[in-house]
PDB file of all heavy atoms in Angstrom:
ATOM      1  N   ALA A   1       6.599  -5.662  21.063  1.00  0.00           N
ATOM      2  CA  ALA A   1       6.383  -6.270  19.789  1.00  0.00           C
ATOM      3  C   ALA A   1       7.035  -5.422  18.677  1.00  0.00           C
ATOM      4  O   ALA A   1       6.751  -4.224  18.566  1.00  0.00           O
ATOM      5  CB  ALA A   1       4.929  -6.456  19.529  1.00  0.00           C
ATOM      6  N   LEU A   2       7.795  -6.036  17.792  1.00  0.00           N
ATOM      7  CA  LEU A   2       8.542  -5.335  16.734  1.00  0.00           C
ATOM      8  C   LEU A   2       7.835  -5.579  15.429  1.00  0.00           C
ATOM      9  O   LEU A   2       7.083  -6.592  15.219  1.00  0.00           O
ATOM     10  CB  LEU A   2       9.970  -5.813  16.683  1.00  0.00           C
ATOM     11  CG  LEU A   2      10.842  -5.566  17.879  1.00  0.00           C
ATOM     12  CD1 LEU A   2      12.235  -6.117  17.696  1.00  0.00           C
ATOM     13  CD2 LEU A   2      10.825  -4.140  18.376  1.00  0.00           C
ATOM     14  N   PRO A   3       8.071  -4.662  14.453  1.00  0.00           N
ATOM     15  CA  PRO A   3       7.481  -4.783  13.082  1.00  0.00           C
ATOM     16  C   PRO A   3       7.889  -6.175  12.426  1.00  0.00           C
ATOM     17  O   PRO A   3       7.151  -6.617  11.515  1.00  0.00           O
ATOM     18  CB  PRO A   3       7.967  -3.587  12.377  1.00  0.00           C
ATOM     19  CG  PRO A   3       8.235  -2.553  13.359  1.00  0.00           C
ATOM     20  CD  PRO A   3       8.719  -3.344  14.553  1.00  0.00           C
ATOM     21  N   SER A   4       9.071  -6.597  12.841  1.00  0.00           N
ATOM     22  CA  SER A   4       9.592  -7.925  12.204  1.00  0.00           C
ATOM     23  C   SER A   4       8.733  -9.111  12.732  1.00  0.00           C
ATOM     24  O   SER A   4       8.976 -10.205  12.148  1.00  0.00           O
ATOM     25  CB  SER A   4      11.020  -8.087  12.568  1.00  0.00           C
ATOM     26  OG  SER A   4      11.212  -8.106  14.026  1.00  0.00           O
ATOM     27  N   GLY A   5       7.893  -8.946  13.657  1.00  0.00           N
ATOM     28  CA  GLY A   5       7.172 -10.078  14.286  1.00  0.00           C
ATOM     29  C   GLY A   5       7.769 -10.577  15.515  1.00  0.00           C
ATOM     30  O   GLY A   5       7.150 -11.387  16.199  1.00  0.00           O
ATOM     31  N   GLU A   6       9.061 -10.202  15.813  1.00  0.00           N
ATOM     32  CA  GLU A   6       9.654 -10.543  17.119  1.00  0.00           C
ATOM     33  C   GLU A   6       9.107  -9.818  18.311  1.00  0.00           C
ATOM     34  O   GLU A   6       8.626  -8.716  18.114  1.00  0.00           O
ATOM     35  CB  GLU A   6      11.151 -10.321  17.051  1.00  0.00           C
ATOM     36  CG  GLU A   6      11.899 -11.129  15.939  1.00  0.00           C
ATOM     37  CD  GLU A   6      13.354 -10.654  15.830  1.00  0.00           C
ATOM     38  OE1 GLU A   6      14.190 -11.174  16.620  1.00  0.00           O
ATOM     39  OE2 GLU A   6      13.685  -9.816  15.017  1.00  0.00           O
ATOM     40  N   THR A   7       9.300 -10.368  19.378  1.00  0.00           N
ATOM     41  CA  THR A   7       8.915  -9.705  20.719  1.00  0.00           C
ATOM     42  C   THR A   7      10.174  -9.654  21.528  1.00  0.00           C
ATOM     43  O   THR A   7      10.774 -10.768  21.785  1.00  0.00           O
ATOM     44  CB  THR A   7       7.786 -10.355  21.432  1.00  0.00           C
ATOM     45  OG1 THR A   7       6.614 -10.285  20.664  1.00  0.00           O
ATOM     46  CG2 THR A   7       7.492  -9.617  22.768  1.00  0.00           C
ATOM     47  N   VAL A   8      10.612  -8.470  22.062  1.00  0.00           N
ATOM     48  CA  VAL A   8      11.794  -8.319  22.828  1.00  0.00           C
ATOM     49  C   VAL A   8      11.459  -7.800  24.177  1.00  0.00           C
ATOM     50  O   VAL A   8      10.636  -6.824  24.330  1.00  0.00           O
ATOM     51  CB  VAL A   8      12.787  -7.345  22.062  1.00  0.00           C
ATOM     52  CG1 VAL A   8      14.036  -7.128  22.988  1.00  0.00           C
ATOM     53  CG2 VAL A   8      13.106  -7.841  20.729  1.00  0.00           C
ATOM     54  N   SER A   9      12.068  -8.351  25.155  1.00  0.00           N
ATOM     55  CA  SER A   9      11.865  -7.878  26.562  1.00  0.00           C
ATOM     56  C   SER A   9      12.789  -6.628  26.762  1.00  0.00           C
ATOM     57  O   SER A   9      14.007  -6.749  26.621  1.00  0.00           O
ATOM     58  CB  SER A   9      12.147  -9.012  27.578  1.00  0.00           C
ATOM     59  OG  SER A   9      12.033  -8.482  28.873  1.00  0.00           O
ATOM     60  N   ILE A  10      12.195  -5.534  27.130  1.00  0.00           N
ATOM     61  CA  ILE A  10      12.981  -4.254  27.364  1.00  0.00           C
ATOM     62  C   ILE A  10      12.748  -3.684  28.706  1.00  0.00           C
ATOM     63  O   ILE A  10      11.763  -3.955  29.419  1.00  0.00           O
ATOM     64  CB  ILE A  10      12.590  -3.230  26.315  1.00  0.00           C
ATOM     65  CG1 ILE A  10      11.165  -2.792  26.483  1.00  0.00           C
ATOM     66  CG2 ILE A  10      12.843  -3.781  24.827  1.00  0.00           C
ATOM     67  CD1 ILE A  10      10.841  -1.507  25.748  1.00  0.00           C
ATOM     68  N   THR A  11      13.767  -2.994  29.200  1.00  0.00           N
ATOM     69  CA  THR A  11      13.643  -2.064  30.351  1.00  0.00           C
ATOM     70  C   THR A  11      13.919  -0.649  29.928  1.00  0.00           C
ATOM     71  O   THR A  11      15.048  -0.466  29.399  1.00  0.00           O
ATOM     72  CB  THR A  11      14.544  -2.578  31.484  1.00  0.00           C
ATOM     73  OG1 THR A  11      14.139  -3.834  31.978  1.00  0.00           O
ATOM     74  CG2 THR A  11      14.520  -1.597  32.653  1.00  0.00           C
ATOM     75  N   ALA A  12      13.035   0.238  30.079  1.00  0.00           N
ATOM     76  CA  ALA A  12      13.203   1.568  29.540  1.00  0.00           C
ATOM     77  C   ALA A  12      13.181   2.566  30.785  1.00  0.00           C
ATOM     78  O   ALA A  12      12.587   2.379  31.622  1.00  0.00           O
ATOM     79  CB  ALA A  12      12.118   1.933  28.554  1.00  0.00           C
ATOM     80  N   LEU A  13      14.010   3.706  30.527  1.00  0.00           N
ATOM     81  CA  LEU A  13      14.037   4.726  31.629  1.00  0.00           C
ATOM     82  C   LEU A  13      14.504   6.046  30.924  1.00  0.00           C
ATOM     83  O   LEU A  13      15.085   5.987  29.816  1.00  0.00           O
ATOM     84  CB  LEU A  13      14.929   4.299  32.701  1.00  0.00           C
ATOM     85  CG  LEU A  13      16.461   4.093  32.359  1.00  0.00           C
ATOM     86  CD1 LEU A  13      17.374   4.408  33.544  1.00  0.00           C
ATOM     87  CD2 LEU A  13      16.649   2.643  31.968  1.00  0.00           C
ATOM     88  N   GLN A  14      14.231   7.068  31.651  1.00  0.00           N
ATOM     89  CA  GLN A  14      14.702   8.418  31.185  1.00  0.00           C
ATOM     90  C   GLN A  14      16.045   8.628  32.003  1.00  0.00           C
ATOM     91  O   GLN A  14      16.087   8.770  33.142  1.00  0.00           O
ATOM     92  CB  GLN A  14      13.695   9.421  31.560  1.00  0.00           C
ATOM     93  CG  GLN A  14      14.189  10.886  31.419  1.00  0.00           C
ATOM     94  CD  GLN A  14      14.472  11.247  29.929  1.00  0.00           C
ATOM     95  OE1 GLN A  14      15.462  11.934  29.677  1.00  0.00           O
ATOM     96  NE2 GLN A  14      13.544  10.952  29.050  1.00  0.00           N
ATOM     97  N   MET A  15      17.113   8.733  31.227  1.00  0.00           N
ATOM     98  CA  MET A  15      18.451   9.027  31.789  1.00  0.00           C
ATOM     99  C   MET A  15      19.026  10.183  30.938  1.00  0.00           C
ATOM    100  O   MET A  15      19.828   9.968  30.078  1.00  0.00           O
ATOM    101  CB  MET A  15      19.333   7.844  31.766  1.00  0.00           C
ATOM    102  CG  MET A  15      20.648   7.943  32.496  1.00  0.00           C
ATOM    103  SD  MET A  15      20.529   8.041  34.338  1.00  0.00           S
ATOM    104  CE  MET A  15      20.922   9.754  34.546  1.00  0.00           C
ATOM    105  N   CYS A  16      18.496  11.336  31.162  1.00  0.00           N
ATOM    106  CA  CYS A  16      18.825  12.525  30.330  1.00  0.00           C
ATOM    107  C   CYS A  16      18.202  12.450  29.018  1.00  0.00           C
ATOM    108  O   CYS A  16      17.747  13.460  28.455  1.00  0.00           O
ATOM    109  CB  CYS A  16      20.293  12.773  30.129  1.00  0.00           C
ATOM    110  SG  CYS A  16      21.191  13.026  31.727  1.00  0.00           S
ATOM    111  N   ASN A  17      18.095  11.332  28.438  1.00  0.00           N
ATOM    112  CA  ASN A  17      17.452  11.027  27.134  1.00  0.00           C
ATOM    113  C   ASN A  17      16.643   9.714  27.360  1.00  0.00           C
ATOM    114  O   ASN A  17      16.889   8.966  28.255  1.00  0.00           O
ATOM    115  CB  ASN A  17      18.452  10.759  26.024  1.00  0.00           C
ATOM    116  CG  ASN A  17      19.374  11.981  25.817  1.00  0.00           C
ATOM    117  OD1 ASN A  17      18.919  13.037  25.484  1.00  0.00           O
ATOM    118  ND2 ASN A  17      20.652  11.761  25.960  1.00  0.00           N
ATOM    119  N   PRO A  18      15.669   9.444  26.400  1.00  0.00           N
ATOM    120  CA  PRO A  18      15.025   8.180  26.453  1.00  0.00           C
ATOM    121  C   PRO A  18      16.045   7.001  26.255  1.00  0.00           C
ATOM    122  O   PRO A  18      16.835   7.110  25.271  1.00  0.00           O
ATOM    123  CB  PRO A  18      13.959   8.215  25.351  1.00  0.00           C
ATOM    124  CG  PRO A  18      13.833   9.653  25.051  1.00  0.00           C
ATOM    125  CD  PRO A  18      15.157  10.288  25.333  1.00  0.00           C
ATOM    126  N   ASN A  19      16.045   6.043  27.054  1.00  0.00           N
ATOM    127  CA  ASN A  19      16.888   4.859  26.921  1.00  0.00           C
ATOM    128  C   ASN A  19      16.133   3.535  27.058  1.00  0.00           C
ATOM    129  O   ASN A  19      15.280   3.433  27.967  1.00  0.00           O
ATOM    130  CB  ASN A  19      18.018   4.866  27.995  1.00  0.00           C
ATOM    131  CG  ASN A  19      19.165   5.939  27.590  1.00  0.00           C
ATOM    132  OD1 ASN A  19      20.148   5.585  26.927  1.00  0.00           O
ATOM    133  ND2 ASN A  19      18.941   7.160  28.130  1.00  0.00           N
ATOM    134  N   CYS A  20      16.475   2.653  26.182  1.00  0.00           N
ATOM    135  CA  CYS A  20      15.868   1.292  26.225  1.00  0.00           C
ATOM    136  C   CYS A  20      17.033   0.284  26.352  1.00  0.00           C
ATOM    137  O   CYS A  20      17.955   0.267  25.571  1.00  0.00           O
ATOM    138  CB  CYS A  20      15.104   1.079  24.942  1.00  0.00           C
ATOM    139  SG  CYS A  20      14.568  -0.593  24.684  1.00  0.00           S
ATOM    140  N   CYS A  21      16.907  -0.638  27.359  1.00  0.00           N
ATOM    141  CA  CYS A  21      17.907  -1.632  27.642  1.00  0.00           C
ATOM    142  C   CYS A  21      17.346  -3.030  27.291  1.00  0.00           C
ATOM    143  O   CYS A  21      16.329  -3.376  27.747  1.00  0.00           O
ATOM    144  CB  CYS A  21      18.400  -1.567  29.101  1.00  0.00           C
ATOM    145  SG  CYS A  21      19.101   0.008  29.513  1.00  0.00           S
ATOM    146  N   VAL A  22      18.166  -3.787  26.506  1.00  0.00           N
ATOM    147  CA  VAL A  22      17.842  -5.150  26.291  1.00  0.00           C
ATOM    148  C   VAL A  22      18.905  -6.020  26.785  1.00  0.00           C
ATOM    149  O   VAL A  22      20.101  -5.877  26.388  1.00  0.00           O
ATOM    150  CB  VAL A  22      17.684  -5.342  24.679  1.00  0.00           C
ATOM    151  CG1 VAL A  22      17.316  -6.794  24.400  1.00  0.00           C
ATOM    152  CG2 VAL A  22      16.712  -4.456  24.106  1.00  0.00           C
ATOM    153  N   PHE A  23      18.656  -6.927  27.643  1.00  0.00           N
ATOM    154  CA  PHE A  23      19.623  -7.762  28.294  1.00  0.00           C
ATOM    155  C   PHE A  23      19.780  -9.067  27.505  1.00  0.00           C
ATOM    156  O   PHE A  23      18.782  -9.674  27.093  1.00  0.00           O
ATOM    157  CB  PHE A  23      19.235  -8.071  29.728  1.00  0.00           C
ATOM    158  CG  PHE A  23      19.423  -6.838  30.663  1.00  0.00           C
ATOM    159  CD1 PHE A  23      18.392  -5.912  30.674  1.00  0.00           C
ATOM    160  CD2 PHE A  23      20.486  -6.726  31.453  1.00  0.00           C
ATOM    161  CE1 PHE A  23      18.587  -4.783  31.512  1.00  0.00           C
ATOM    162  CE2 PHE A  23      20.693  -5.737  32.237  1.00  0.00           C
ATOM    163  CZ  PHE A  23      19.785  -4.688  32.315  1.00  0.00           C
ATOM    164  N   VAL A  24      21.091  -9.332  27.238  1.00  0.00           N
ATOM    165  CA  VAL A  24      21.368 -10.481  26.336  1.00  0.00           C
ATOM    166  C   VAL A  24      22.419 -11.370  27.046  1.00  0.00           C
ATOM    167  O   VAL A  24      23.152 -10.960  27.922  1.00  0.00           O
ATOM    168  CB  VAL A  24      21.925 -10.038  24.970  1.00  0.00           C
ATOM    169  CG1 VAL A  24      20.901  -9.202  24.264  1.00  0.00           C
ATOM    170  CG2 VAL A  24      23.194  -9.207  25.143  1.00  0.00           C
ATOM    171  N   GLU A  25      22.455 -12.631  26.612  1.00  0.00           N
ATOM    172  CA  GLU A  25      23.452 -13.581  27.070  1.00  0.00           C
ATOM    173  C   GLU A  25      24.845 -13.337  26.410  1.00  0.00           C
ATOM    174  O   GLU A  25      25.876 -13.533  26.996  1.00  0.00           O
ATOM    175  CB  GLU A  25      22.979 -15.015  26.814  1.00  0.00           C
ATOM    176  CG  GLU A  25      21.769 -15.411  27.679  1.00  0.00           C
ATOM    177  CD  GLU A  25      22.083 -15.389  29.143  1.00  0.00           C
ATOM    178  OE1 GLU A  25      23.208 -15.787  29.544  1.00  0.00           O
ATOM    179  OE2 GLU A  25      21.137 -15.099  29.905  1.00  0.00           O
ATOM    180  N   ASP A  26      24.842 -12.967  25.101  1.00  0.00           N
ATOM    181  CA  ASP A  26      26.027 -12.653  24.416  1.00  0.00           C
ATOM    182  C   ASP A  26      25.679 -11.840  23.167  1.00  0.00           C
ATOM    183  O   ASP A  26      24.472 -11.546  22.937  1.00  0.00           O
ATOM    184  CB  ASP A  26      26.702 -14.012  23.918  1.00  0.00           C
ATOM    185  CG  ASP A  26      25.847 -14.868  22.999  1.00  0.00           C
ATOM    186  OD1 ASP A  26      25.617 -14.395  21.854  1.00  0.00           O
ATOM    187  OD2 ASP A  26      25.428 -15.854  23.508  1.00  0.00           O
ATOM    188  N   PHE A  27      26.661 -11.249  22.562  1.00  0.00           N
ATOM    189  CA  PHE A  27      26.410 -10.361  21.377  1.00  0.00           C
ATOM    190  C   PHE A  27      26.451 -11.092  20.031  1.00  0.00           C
ATOM    191  O   PHE A  27      26.130 -10.538  18.958  1.00  0.00           O
ATOM    192  CB  PHE A  27      27.348  -9.166  21.408  1.00  0.00           C
ATOM    193  CG  PHE A  27      27.273  -8.436  22.673  1.00  0.00           C
ATOM    194  CD1 PHE A  27      28.318  -8.423  23.575  1.00  0.00           C
ATOM    195  CD2 PHE A  27      26.162  -7.636  22.941  1.00  0.00           C
ATOM    196  CE1 PHE A  27      28.233  -7.653  24.754  1.00  0.00           C
ATOM    197  CE2 PHE A  27      26.064  -6.913  24.084  1.00  0.00           C
ATOM    198  CZ  PHE A  27      27.099  -6.887  25.059  1.00  0.00           C
ATOM    199  N   GLU A  28      26.995 -12.339  20.039  1.00  0.00           N
ATOM    200  CA  GLU A  28      27.196 -12.998  18.820  1.00  0.00           C
ATOM    201  C   GLU A  28      25.871 -13.625  18.267  1.00  0.00           C
ATOM    202  O   GLU A  28      25.626 -13.745  17.132  1.00  0.00           O
ATOM    203  CB  GLU A  28      28.238 -14.125  18.932  1.00  0.00           C
ATOM    204  CG  GLU A  28      29.685 -13.617  19.065  1.00  0.00           C
ATOM    205  CD  GLU A  28      29.922 -12.884  20.399  1.00  0.00           C
ATOM    206  OE1 GLU A  28      29.312 -13.294  21.381  1.00  0.00           O
ATOM    207  OE2 GLU A  28      30.749 -11.973  20.386  1.00  0.00           O
ATOM    208  N   SER A  29      24.992 -14.072  19.192  1.00  0.00           N
ATOM    209  CA  SER A  29      23.796 -14.814  18.801  1.00  0.00           C
ATOM    210  C   SER A  29      22.582 -13.863  18.617  1.00  0.00           C
ATOM    211  O   SER A  29      21.485 -14.260  18.295  1.00  0.00           O
ATOM    212  CB  SER A  29      23.443 -15.870  19.807  1.00  0.00           C
ATOM    213  OG  SER A  29      23.196 -15.269  21.050  1.00  0.00           O
ATOM    214  N   VAL A  30      22.827 -12.490  18.862  1.00  0.00           N
ATOM    215  CA  VAL A  30      21.746 -11.561  18.740  1.00  0.00           C
ATOM    216  C   VAL A  30      22.194 -10.531  17.641  1.00  0.00           C
ATOM    217  O   VAL A  30      23.274  -9.939  17.659  1.00  0.00           O
ATOM    218  CB  VAL A  30      21.561 -10.821  20.082  1.00  0.00           C
ATOM    219  CG1 VAL A  30      20.544  -9.698  19.899  1.00  0.00           C
ATOM    220  CG2 VAL A  30      21.167 -11.772  21.163  1.00  0.00           C
ATOM    221  N   ASP A  31      21.254 -10.276  16.700  1.00  0.00           N
ATOM    222  CA  ASP A  31      21.493  -9.319  15.611  1.00  0.00           C
ATOM    223  C   ASP A  31      21.140  -8.000  16.203  1.00  0.00           C
ATOM    224  O   ASP A  31      20.113  -7.371  15.937  1.00  0.00           O
ATOM    225  CB  ASP A  31      20.692  -9.611  14.385  1.00  0.00           C
ATOM    226  CG  ASP A  31      20.978  -8.717  13.231  1.00  0.00           C
ATOM    227  OD1 ASP A  31      21.922  -7.762  13.416  1.00  0.00           O
ATOM    228  OD2 ASP A  31      20.456  -8.857  12.095  1.00  0.00           O
ATOM    229  N   TRP A  32      21.979  -7.416  17.157  1.00  0.00           N
ATOM    230  CA  TRP A  32      21.585  -6.222  17.892  1.00  0.00           C
ATOM    231  C   TRP A  32      21.545  -5.015  17.052  1.00  0.00           C
ATOM    232  O   TRP A  32      20.756  -4.057  17.440  1.00  0.00           O
ATOM    233  CB  TRP A  32      22.501  -6.033  19.059  1.00  0.00           C
ATOM    234  CG  TRP A  32      23.959  -5.888  18.773  1.00  0.00           C
ATOM    235  CD1 TRP A  32      24.950  -6.858  18.698  1.00  0.00           C
ATOM    236  CD2 TRP A  32      24.628  -4.609  18.558  1.00  0.00           C
ATOM    237  NE1 TRP A  32      26.168  -6.279  18.372  1.00  0.00           N
ATOM    238  CE2 TRP A  32      25.990  -4.880  18.321  1.00  0.00           C
ATOM    239  CE3 TRP A  32      24.171  -3.237  18.546  1.00  0.00           C
ATOM    240  CZ2 TRP A  32      26.956  -3.926  18.022  1.00  0.00           C
ATOM    241  CZ3 TRP A  32      25.186  -2.304  18.215  1.00  0.00           C
ATOM    242  CH2 TRP A  32      26.567  -2.639  18.014  1.00  0.00           C
ATOM    243  N   ARG A  33      22.250  -4.915  16.002  1.00  0.00           N
ATOM    244  CA  ARG A  33      22.195  -3.704  15.176  1.00  0.00           C
ATOM    245  C   ARG A  33      20.853  -3.673  14.403  1.00  0.00           C
ATOM    246  O   ARG A  33      20.240  -2.589  14.357  1.00  0.00           O
ATOM    247  CB  ARG A  33      23.311  -3.788  14.124  1.00  0.00           C
ATOM    248  CG  ARG A  33      24.703  -3.683  14.695  1.00  0.00           C
ATOM    249  CD  ARG A  33      25.818  -3.838  13.600  1.00  0.00           C
ATOM    250  NE  ARG A  33      27.149  -3.740  14.152  1.00  0.00           N
ATOM    251  CZ  ARG A  33      27.824  -4.808  14.619  1.00  0.00           C
ATOM    252  NH1 ARG A  33      27.212  -5.983  14.644  1.00  0.00           N
ATOM    253  NH2 ARG A  33      29.025  -4.673  15.149  1.00  0.00           N
ATOM    254  N   THR A  34      20.356  -4.782  13.943  1.00  0.00           N
ATOM    255  CA  THR A  34      19.044  -4.779  13.378  1.00  0.00           C
ATOM    256  C   THR A  34      17.932  -4.482  14.373  1.00  0.00           C
ATOM    257  O   THR A  34      17.041  -3.697  14.120  1.00  0.00           O
ATOM    258  CB  THR A  34      18.805  -6.159  12.665  1.00  0.00           C
ATOM    259  OG1 THR A  34      19.710  -6.275  11.598  1.00  0.00           O
ATOM    260  CG2 THR A  34      17.384  -6.207  12.075  1.00  0.00           C
ATOM    261  N   LEU A  35      18.062  -5.088  15.541  1.00  0.00           N
ATOM    262  CA  LEU A  35      17.084  -4.789  16.561  1.00  0.00           C
ATOM    263  C   LEU A  35      17.088  -3.358  16.988  1.00  0.00           C
ATOM    264  O   LEU A  35      16.109  -2.734  17.225  1.00  0.00           O
ATOM    265  CB  LEU A  35      17.322  -5.716  17.774  1.00  0.00           C
ATOM    266  CG  LEU A  35      17.099  -7.236  17.591  1.00  0.00           C
ATOM    267  CD1 LEU A  35      17.452  -7.979  18.883  1.00  0.00           C
ATOM    268  CD2 LEU A  35      15.620  -7.401  17.242  1.00  0.00           C
ATOM    269  N   GLY A  36      18.349  -2.782  17.105  1.00  0.00           N
ATOM    270  CA  GLY A  36      18.468  -1.360  17.510  1.00  0.00           C
ATOM    271  C   GLY A  36      17.830  -0.511  16.491  1.00  0.00           C
ATOM    272  O   GLY A  36      17.085   0.492  16.880  1.00  0.00           O
TER     273      GLY A  36
END
């Protein structure tokens, strides 16, 4: 759950650093910079 009110499905793991992966269908329909 994000402060914006959205809920995003994530997969997180430790790969030398904390990493969070969000799987998307395309990059045009997702405001990934804001979500990041």
